[in-house]
N, C-alpha and C. Protein backbone atom coordinates (compact mmCIF):
# COMPACT_ATOMS: atom_id res chain seq x y z
N UNK A 1 0.85 -1.17 0.00
CA UNK A 1 0.00 0.00 0.00
C UNK A 1 0.90 1.23 0.00
N UNK A 2 0.54 2.28 -0.77
CA UNK A 2 1.35 3.49 -0.81
C UNK A 2 1.53 4.08 0.58
N UNK A 3 2.70 4.70 0.81
CA UNK A 3 3.01 5.21 2.14
C UNK A 3 2.28 6.50 2.47
N UNK A 4 2.24 7.48 1.56
CA UNK A 4 1.65 8.77 1.87
C UNK A 4 0.44 9.05 1.01
N UNK A 5 -0.70 9.20 1.66
CA UNK A 5 -1.92 9.57 0.96
C UNK A 5 -2.90 10.12 1.99
N UNK A 6 -3.79 10.97 1.54
CA UNK A 6 -4.84 11.50 2.39
C UNK A 6 -6.07 10.58 2.39
N UNK A 7 -6.02 9.55 1.58
CA UNK A 7 -7.14 8.62 1.44
C UNK A 7 -7.11 7.62 2.58
N UNK A 8 -8.25 7.39 3.21
CA UNK A 8 -8.35 6.45 4.33
C UNK A 8 -7.87 5.06 3.88
N UNK A 9 -7.10 4.37 4.73
CA UNK A 9 -6.57 3.05 4.37
C UNK A 9 -7.65 2.05 3.95
N UNK A 10 -8.84 2.10 4.55
CA UNK A 10 -9.91 1.18 4.15
C UNK A 10 -10.33 1.43 2.70
N UNK A 11 -10.36 2.69 2.29
CA UNK A 11 -10.69 3.00 0.90
C UNK A 11 -9.61 2.47 -0.04
N UNK A 12 -8.36 2.66 0.34
CA UNK A 12 -7.26 2.17 -0.51
C UNK A 12 -7.37 0.66 -0.66
N UNK A 13 -7.65 -0.05 0.44
CA UNK A 13 -7.80 -1.51 0.35
C UNK A 13 -8.95 -1.88 -0.59
N UNK A 14 -10.05 -1.13 -0.52
CA UNK A 14 -11.19 -1.40 -1.42
C UNK A 14 -10.80 -1.15 -2.86
N UNK A 15 -10.07 -0.07 -3.12
CA UNK A 15 -9.63 0.21 -4.49
C UNK A 15 -8.74 -0.92 -5.00
N UNK A 16 -7.87 -1.42 -4.15
CA UNK A 16 -6.98 -2.51 -4.56
C UNK A 16 -7.74 -3.81 -4.80
N UNK A 17 -8.87 -3.99 -4.11
CA UNK A 17 -9.65 -5.21 -4.24
C UNK A 17 -10.62 -5.17 -5.42
N UNK A 18 -10.83 -4.00 -5.98
CA UNK A 18 -11.77 -3.87 -7.08
C UNK A 18 -11.29 -4.70 -8.27
N UNK A 19 -12.21 -5.16 -9.06
CA UNK A 19 -11.93 -6.14 -10.10
C UNK A 19 -11.24 -5.55 -11.34
N UNK A 20 -10.02 -4.99 -11.14
CA UNK A 20 -9.20 -4.65 -12.29
C UNK A 20 -7.87 -5.37 -12.20
N UNK A 21 -7.75 -6.27 -11.26
CA UNK A 21 -6.60 -7.15 -11.12
C UNK A 21 -5.29 -6.37 -11.05
N UNK A 22 -5.21 -5.49 -10.07
CA UNK A 22 -4.02 -4.68 -9.85
C UNK A 22 -2.80 -5.57 -9.65
N UNK A 23 -1.72 -5.21 -10.32
CA UNK A 23 -0.45 -5.90 -10.13
C UNK A 23 -0.30 -7.19 -10.92
N UNK A 24 -1.32 -7.58 -11.66
CA UNK A 24 -1.23 -8.80 -12.46
C UNK A 24 -1.21 -8.44 -13.94
N UNK A 25 -0.28 -9.01 -14.68
CA UNK A 25 -0.21 -8.75 -16.11
C UNK A 25 -1.50 -9.25 -16.76
N UNK A 26 -2.02 -8.42 -17.65
CA UNK A 26 -3.24 -8.78 -18.35
C UNK A 26 -2.93 -9.06 -19.81
N UNK A 27 -3.07 -10.31 -20.19
CA UNK A 27 -2.83 -10.68 -21.59
C UNK A 27 -3.84 -9.98 -22.50
N UNK A 28 -5.09 -9.84 -22.03
CA UNK A 28 -6.11 -9.17 -22.84
C UNK A 28 -5.74 -7.71 -23.09
N UNK A 29 -5.21 -7.02 -22.08
CA UNK A 29 -4.78 -5.64 -22.29
C UNK A 29 -3.59 -5.59 -23.24
N UNK A 30 -2.64 -6.50 -23.08
CA UNK A 30 -1.48 -6.54 -23.97
C UNK A 30 -1.95 -6.71 -25.42
N UNK A 31 -2.91 -7.59 -25.64
CA UNK A 31 -3.44 -7.80 -26.99
C UNK A 31 -4.20 -6.58 -27.49
N UNK A 32 -4.95 -5.91 -26.61
CA UNK A 32 -5.66 -4.69 -26.98
C UNK A 32 -4.67 -3.60 -27.37
N UNK A 33 -3.60 -3.46 -26.61
CA UNK A 33 -2.57 -2.46 -26.94
C UNK A 33 -2.00 -2.73 -28.33
N UNK A 34 -1.67 -3.97 -28.60
CA UNK A 34 -1.10 -4.32 -29.91
C UNK A 34 -2.11 -4.03 -31.02
N UNK A 35 -3.34 -4.46 -30.85
CA UNK A 35 -4.37 -4.26 -31.88
C UNK A 35 -4.68 -2.78 -32.09
N UNK A 36 -4.52 -1.97 -31.06
CA UNK A 36 -4.85 -0.54 -31.14
C UNK A 36 -3.63 0.33 -31.40
N UNK A 37 -2.47 -0.28 -31.50
CA UNK A 37 -1.21 0.45 -31.72
C UNK A 37 -0.96 1.50 -30.64
N UNK A 38 -1.17 1.12 -29.38
CA UNK A 38 -0.86 1.99 -28.26
C UNK A 38 0.00 1.22 -27.26
N UNK A 39 0.61 1.93 -26.33
CA UNK A 39 1.47 1.29 -25.34
C UNK A 39 1.05 1.56 -23.91
N UNK A 40 -0.12 2.18 -23.74
CA UNK A 40 -0.58 2.45 -22.38
C UNK A 40 -2.07 2.77 -22.43
N UNK A 41 -2.64 2.92 -21.26
CA UNK A 41 -4.04 3.30 -21.17
C UNK A 41 -4.42 3.52 -19.72
N UNK A 42 -5.61 4.09 -19.52
CA UNK A 42 -6.05 4.38 -18.15
C UNK A 42 -7.52 4.07 -17.99
N UNK A 43 -7.85 3.44 -16.87
CA UNK A 43 -9.23 3.26 -16.46
C UNK A 43 -9.62 4.49 -15.66
N UNK A 44 -10.63 5.20 -16.15
CA UNK A 44 -11.07 6.44 -15.51
C UNK A 44 -12.55 6.38 -15.22
N UNK A 45 -12.94 6.93 -14.10
CA UNK A 45 -14.36 7.09 -13.79
C UNK A 45 -14.59 8.50 -13.31
N UNK A 46 -15.81 8.96 -13.46
CA UNK A 46 -16.22 10.25 -12.91
C UNK A 46 -17.28 10.03 -11.83
N UNK A 47 -17.60 8.78 -11.57
CA UNK A 47 -18.61 8.44 -10.57
C UNK A 47 -18.09 8.74 -9.16
N UNK A 48 -19.01 9.13 -8.29
CA UNK A 48 -18.79 9.21 -6.84
C UNK A 48 -17.46 9.86 -6.45
N UNK A 49 -17.29 11.16 -6.74
CA UNK A 49 -16.04 11.87 -6.41
C UNK A 49 -15.62 11.65 -4.96
N UNK A 50 -14.32 11.42 -4.77
CA UNK A 50 -13.71 11.13 -3.48
C UNK A 50 -14.44 10.03 -2.71
N UNK A 51 -15.06 9.13 -3.43
CA UNK A 51 -15.71 8.00 -2.80
C UNK A 51 -16.98 8.36 -2.05
N UNK A 52 -17.58 9.48 -2.41
CA UNK A 52 -18.85 9.89 -1.79
C UNK A 52 -19.98 9.58 -2.76
N UNK A 53 -20.93 8.77 -2.33
CA UNK A 53 -22.04 8.35 -3.18
C UNK A 53 -22.80 9.57 -3.71
N UNK A 54 -23.01 9.58 -5.03
CA UNK A 54 -23.78 10.63 -5.70
C UNK A 54 -25.06 10.01 -6.25
N UNK A 55 -25.97 10.85 -6.67
CA UNK A 55 -27.20 10.35 -7.29
C UNK A 55 -26.87 9.71 -8.63
N UNK A 56 -27.76 8.84 -9.10
CA UNK A 56 -27.57 8.23 -10.42
C UNK A 56 -27.47 9.31 -11.48
N UNK A 57 -28.31 10.34 -11.38
CA UNK A 57 -28.32 11.42 -12.38
C UNK A 57 -26.99 12.16 -12.38
N UNK A 58 -26.45 12.48 -11.21
CA UNK A 58 -25.17 13.18 -11.13
C UNK A 58 -24.04 12.32 -11.69
N UNK A 59 -24.05 11.03 -11.36
CA UNK A 59 -23.02 10.13 -11.89
C UNK A 59 -23.11 10.00 -13.40
N UNK A 60 -24.32 9.89 -13.94
CA UNK A 60 -24.49 9.78 -15.39
C UNK A 60 -24.01 11.04 -16.11
N UNK A 61 -24.31 12.22 -15.52
CA UNK A 61 -23.84 13.49 -16.11
C UNK A 61 -22.31 13.54 -16.12
N UNK A 62 -21.72 13.17 -15.00
CA UNK A 62 -20.26 13.19 -14.90
C UNK A 62 -19.63 12.20 -15.88
N UNK A 63 -20.24 11.03 -16.02
CA UNK A 63 -19.75 10.01 -16.96
C UNK A 63 -19.79 10.55 -18.40
N UNK A 64 -20.88 11.21 -18.74
CA UNK A 64 -21.01 11.82 -20.08
C UNK A 64 -20.00 12.95 -20.27
N UNK A 65 -19.77 13.74 -19.22
CA UNK A 65 -18.78 14.82 -19.30
C UNK A 65 -17.38 14.26 -19.53
N UNK A 66 -17.05 13.17 -18.85
CA UNK A 66 -15.75 12.52 -19.06
C UNK A 66 -15.63 12.01 -20.48
N UNK A 67 -16.69 11.40 -20.99
CA UNK A 67 -16.68 10.92 -22.38
C UNK A 67 -16.45 12.07 -23.34
N UNK A 68 -17.10 13.19 -23.10
CA UNK A 68 -16.95 14.35 -23.98
C UNK A 68 -15.52 14.88 -23.95
N UNK A 69 -14.91 14.94 -22.76
CA UNK A 69 -13.52 15.41 -22.67
C UNK A 69 -12.57 14.48 -23.41
N UNK A 70 -12.76 13.19 -23.24
CA UNK A 70 -11.92 12.23 -23.96
C UNK A 70 -12.08 12.40 -25.47
N UNK A 71 -13.32 12.56 -25.91
CA UNK A 71 -13.59 12.74 -27.34
C UNK A 71 -12.93 14.03 -27.86
N UNK A 72 -13.07 15.13 -27.11
CA UNK A 72 -12.47 16.41 -27.50
C UNK A 72 -10.96 16.29 -27.64
N UNK A 73 -10.35 15.46 -26.82
CA UNK A 73 -8.89 15.28 -26.86
C UNK A 73 -8.47 14.23 -27.89
N UNK A 74 -9.43 13.68 -28.61
CA UNK A 74 -9.12 12.69 -29.63
C UNK A 74 -8.67 11.35 -29.07
N UNK A 75 -9.11 11.04 -27.86
CA UNK A 75 -8.70 9.79 -27.20
C UNK A 75 -9.79 8.74 -27.39
N UNK A 76 -9.41 7.61 -27.97
CA UNK A 76 -10.35 6.50 -28.13
C UNK A 76 -10.54 5.85 -26.78
N UNK A 77 -11.78 5.65 -26.40
CA UNK A 77 -12.07 5.07 -25.09
C UNK A 77 -13.14 4.00 -25.20
N UNK A 78 -12.97 2.96 -24.43
CA UNK A 78 -13.92 1.87 -24.37
C UNK A 78 -14.68 1.96 -23.05
N UNK A 79 -16.01 1.87 -23.12
CA UNK A 79 -16.81 1.97 -21.91
C UNK A 79 -16.77 0.66 -21.14
N UNK A 80 -16.71 0.78 -19.84
CA UNK A 80 -16.70 -0.39 -18.98
C UNK A 80 -17.30 -0.06 -17.63
N UNK A 81 -16.97 -0.87 -16.66
CA UNK A 81 -17.44 -0.62 -15.30
C UNK A 81 -16.49 -1.33 -14.35
N UNK A 82 -16.55 -0.90 -13.10
CA UNK A 82 -15.72 -1.51 -12.08
C UNK A 82 -16.49 -1.64 -10.79
N UNK A 83 -16.19 -2.69 -10.07
CA UNK A 83 -16.84 -2.90 -8.79
C UNK A 83 -16.10 -3.97 -8.01
N UNK A 84 -16.32 -3.95 -6.73
CA UNK A 84 -15.69 -4.92 -5.85
C UNK A 84 -16.67 -6.05 -5.58
N UNK A 85 -16.24 -7.27 -5.83
CA UNK A 85 -17.09 -8.43 -5.58
C UNK A 85 -17.44 -8.51 -4.10
N UNK A 86 -18.64 -8.95 -3.79
CA UNK A 86 -19.11 -9.11 -2.41
C UNK A 86 -19.05 -7.81 -1.61
N UNK A 87 -19.36 -6.69 -2.28
CA UNK A 87 -19.36 -5.40 -1.63
C UNK A 87 -20.70 -4.72 -1.84
N UNK A 88 -21.08 -3.85 -0.91
CA UNK A 88 -22.30 -3.08 -1.06
C UNK A 88 -22.08 -1.85 -1.95
N UNK A 89 -20.82 -1.54 -2.26
CA UNK A 89 -20.52 -0.36 -3.08
C UNK A 89 -21.06 -0.61 -4.50
N UNK A 90 -21.78 0.38 -5.05
CA UNK A 90 -22.35 0.19 -6.39
C UNK A 90 -21.28 0.15 -7.47
N UNK A 91 -21.56 -0.63 -8.51
CA UNK A 91 -20.68 -0.67 -9.67
C UNK A 91 -20.64 0.72 -10.29
N UNK A 92 -19.45 1.13 -10.73
CA UNK A 92 -19.27 2.45 -11.34
C UNK A 92 -18.90 2.31 -12.81
N UNK A 93 -19.60 3.06 -13.66
CA UNK A 93 -19.22 3.08 -15.07
C UNK A 93 -17.87 3.76 -15.20
N UNK A 94 -17.14 3.35 -16.22
CA UNK A 94 -15.81 3.91 -16.44
C UNK A 94 -15.49 3.91 -17.93
N UNK A 95 -14.35 4.48 -18.23
CA UNK A 95 -13.80 4.48 -19.59
C UNK A 95 -12.38 3.96 -19.52
N UNK A 96 -12.00 3.13 -20.49
CA UNK A 96 -10.59 2.76 -20.63
C UNK A 96 -10.06 3.58 -21.79
N UNK A 97 -9.22 4.55 -21.48
CA UNK A 97 -8.70 5.50 -22.46
C UNK A 97 -7.41 4.94 -23.06
N UNK A 98 -7.49 4.54 -24.32
CA UNK A 98 -6.36 3.93 -25.02
C UNK A 98 -5.30 4.97 -25.37
N UNK A 99 -4.06 4.67 -25.00
CA UNK A 99 -2.95 5.54 -25.35
C UNK A 99 -2.80 6.76 -24.46
N UNK A 100 -3.62 6.89 -23.44
CA UNK A 100 -3.54 8.05 -22.56
C UNK A 100 -2.34 7.91 -21.62
N UNK A 101 -1.44 8.86 -21.70
CA UNK A 101 -0.24 8.85 -20.86
C UNK A 101 -0.60 9.13 -19.40
N UNK A 102 0.33 8.83 -18.50
CA UNK A 102 0.06 8.91 -17.06
C UNK A 102 -0.33 10.31 -16.60
N UNK A 103 0.44 11.32 -16.92
CA UNK A 103 0.15 12.66 -16.39
C UNK A 103 -1.20 13.19 -16.86
N UNK A 104 -1.53 13.09 -18.16
CA UNK A 104 -2.87 13.51 -18.57
C UNK A 104 -3.99 12.67 -17.92
N UNK A 105 -3.71 11.40 -17.68
CA UNK A 105 -4.71 10.55 -17.01
C UNK A 105 -4.92 11.03 -15.58
N UNK A 106 -3.84 11.37 -14.88
CA UNK A 106 -3.95 11.88 -13.52
C UNK A 106 -4.72 13.21 -13.53
N UNK A 107 -4.44 14.06 -14.52
CA UNK A 107 -5.15 15.34 -14.62
C UNK A 107 -6.66 15.14 -14.76
N UNK A 108 -7.05 14.18 -15.60
CA UNK A 108 -8.48 13.90 -15.77
C UNK A 108 -9.09 13.35 -14.48
N UNK A 109 -8.39 12.47 -13.81
CA UNK A 109 -8.88 11.96 -12.54
C UNK A 109 -9.08 13.07 -11.52
N UNK A 110 -8.11 13.97 -11.46
CA UNK A 110 -8.24 15.11 -10.52
C UNK A 110 -9.37 16.04 -10.94
N UNK A 111 -9.54 16.24 -12.25
CA UNK A 111 -10.60 17.10 -12.75
C UNK A 111 -11.97 16.62 -12.25
N UNK A 112 -12.12 15.31 -12.16
CA UNK A 112 -13.39 14.73 -11.68
C UNK A 112 -13.33 14.37 -10.19
N UNK A 113 -12.33 14.92 -9.49
CA UNK A 113 -12.21 14.81 -8.03
C UNK A 113 -12.18 13.36 -7.56
N UNK A 114 -11.44 12.53 -8.29
CA UNK A 114 -11.33 11.12 -7.94
C UNK A 114 -10.16 10.89 -6.99
N UNK A 115 -10.28 9.86 -6.17
CA UNK A 115 -9.19 9.48 -5.28
C UNK A 115 -8.06 8.81 -6.04
N UNK A 116 -8.40 8.10 -7.11
CA UNK A 116 -7.41 7.29 -7.79
C UNK A 116 -7.85 7.00 -9.22
N UNK A 117 -6.88 6.58 -10.01
CA UNK A 117 -7.14 6.04 -11.35
C UNK A 117 -6.37 4.72 -11.42
N UNK A 118 -6.65 3.95 -12.46
CA UNK A 118 -5.85 2.76 -12.74
C UNK A 118 -5.18 3.01 -14.08
N UNK A 119 -3.85 2.96 -14.06
CA UNK A 119 -3.08 3.22 -15.28
C UNK A 119 -2.31 1.96 -15.65
N UNK A 120 -2.18 1.73 -16.95
CA UNK A 120 -1.50 0.53 -17.44
C UNK A 120 -0.43 0.95 -18.43
N UNK A 121 0.80 0.57 -18.16
CA UNK A 121 1.94 0.86 -19.03
C UNK A 121 2.07 -0.27 -20.06
N UNK A 122 3.09 -0.19 -20.87
CA UNK A 122 3.32 -1.18 -21.94
C UNK A 122 3.45 -2.61 -21.41
N UNK A 123 3.78 -2.76 -20.13
CA UNK A 123 3.92 -4.10 -19.55
C UNK A 123 2.58 -4.77 -19.29
N UNK A 124 1.48 -4.04 -19.49
CA UNK A 124 0.11 -4.55 -19.32
C UNK A 124 -0.20 -4.97 -17.88
N UNK A 125 0.44 -4.29 -16.92
CA UNK A 125 0.19 -4.53 -15.50
C UNK A 125 -0.53 -3.31 -14.95
N UNK A 126 -1.83 -3.44 -14.62
CA UNK A 126 -2.57 -2.30 -14.06
C UNK A 126 -1.97 -1.84 -12.73
N UNK A 127 -1.89 -0.52 -12.58
CA UNK A 127 -1.33 0.08 -11.37
C UNK A 127 -2.36 1.05 -10.79
N UNK A 128 -2.62 0.95 -9.50
CA UNK A 128 -3.47 1.91 -8.82
C UNK A 128 -2.64 3.16 -8.56
N UNK A 129 -3.11 4.29 -9.08
CA UNK A 129 -2.42 5.58 -8.91
C UNK A 129 -3.29 6.46 -8.03
N UNK A 130 -2.84 6.69 -6.80
CA UNK A 130 -3.58 7.55 -5.88
C UNK A 130 -3.35 9.00 -6.26
N UNK A 131 -4.41 9.79 -6.18
CA UNK A 131 -4.34 11.18 -6.66
C UNK A 131 -4.31 12.22 -5.53
N UNK A 132 -4.52 11.82 -4.33
CA UNK A 132 -4.43 12.79 -3.23
C UNK A 132 -3.87 12.14 -1.98
């Protein structure tokens, strides 16, 4: 677990447990990178800023706003979702932004007041990146 963060340790543990298989190489992502001619990508959500539950309407608006920003920047993104198995936390819609470098991915996460993003480098190993 990262040493310095303002995020409560229980939240960090939940983020690590969410079904994006942090720390494990993903053959499917490696194949997607090859097929898309990119070497990285980021899982981004605009749902529930700082882990505070929002209304469905607010989450849907934020999700659409994130999609619009990705589109404006010319970033191809695949829609998905993330959630922790056996948890009461609701599944959150997300985007996997193909070819999005780490710093711009962090900027987008911060723009939507997120605690973290998941970024994947050319090694196809998802990494939890804490933003505060």
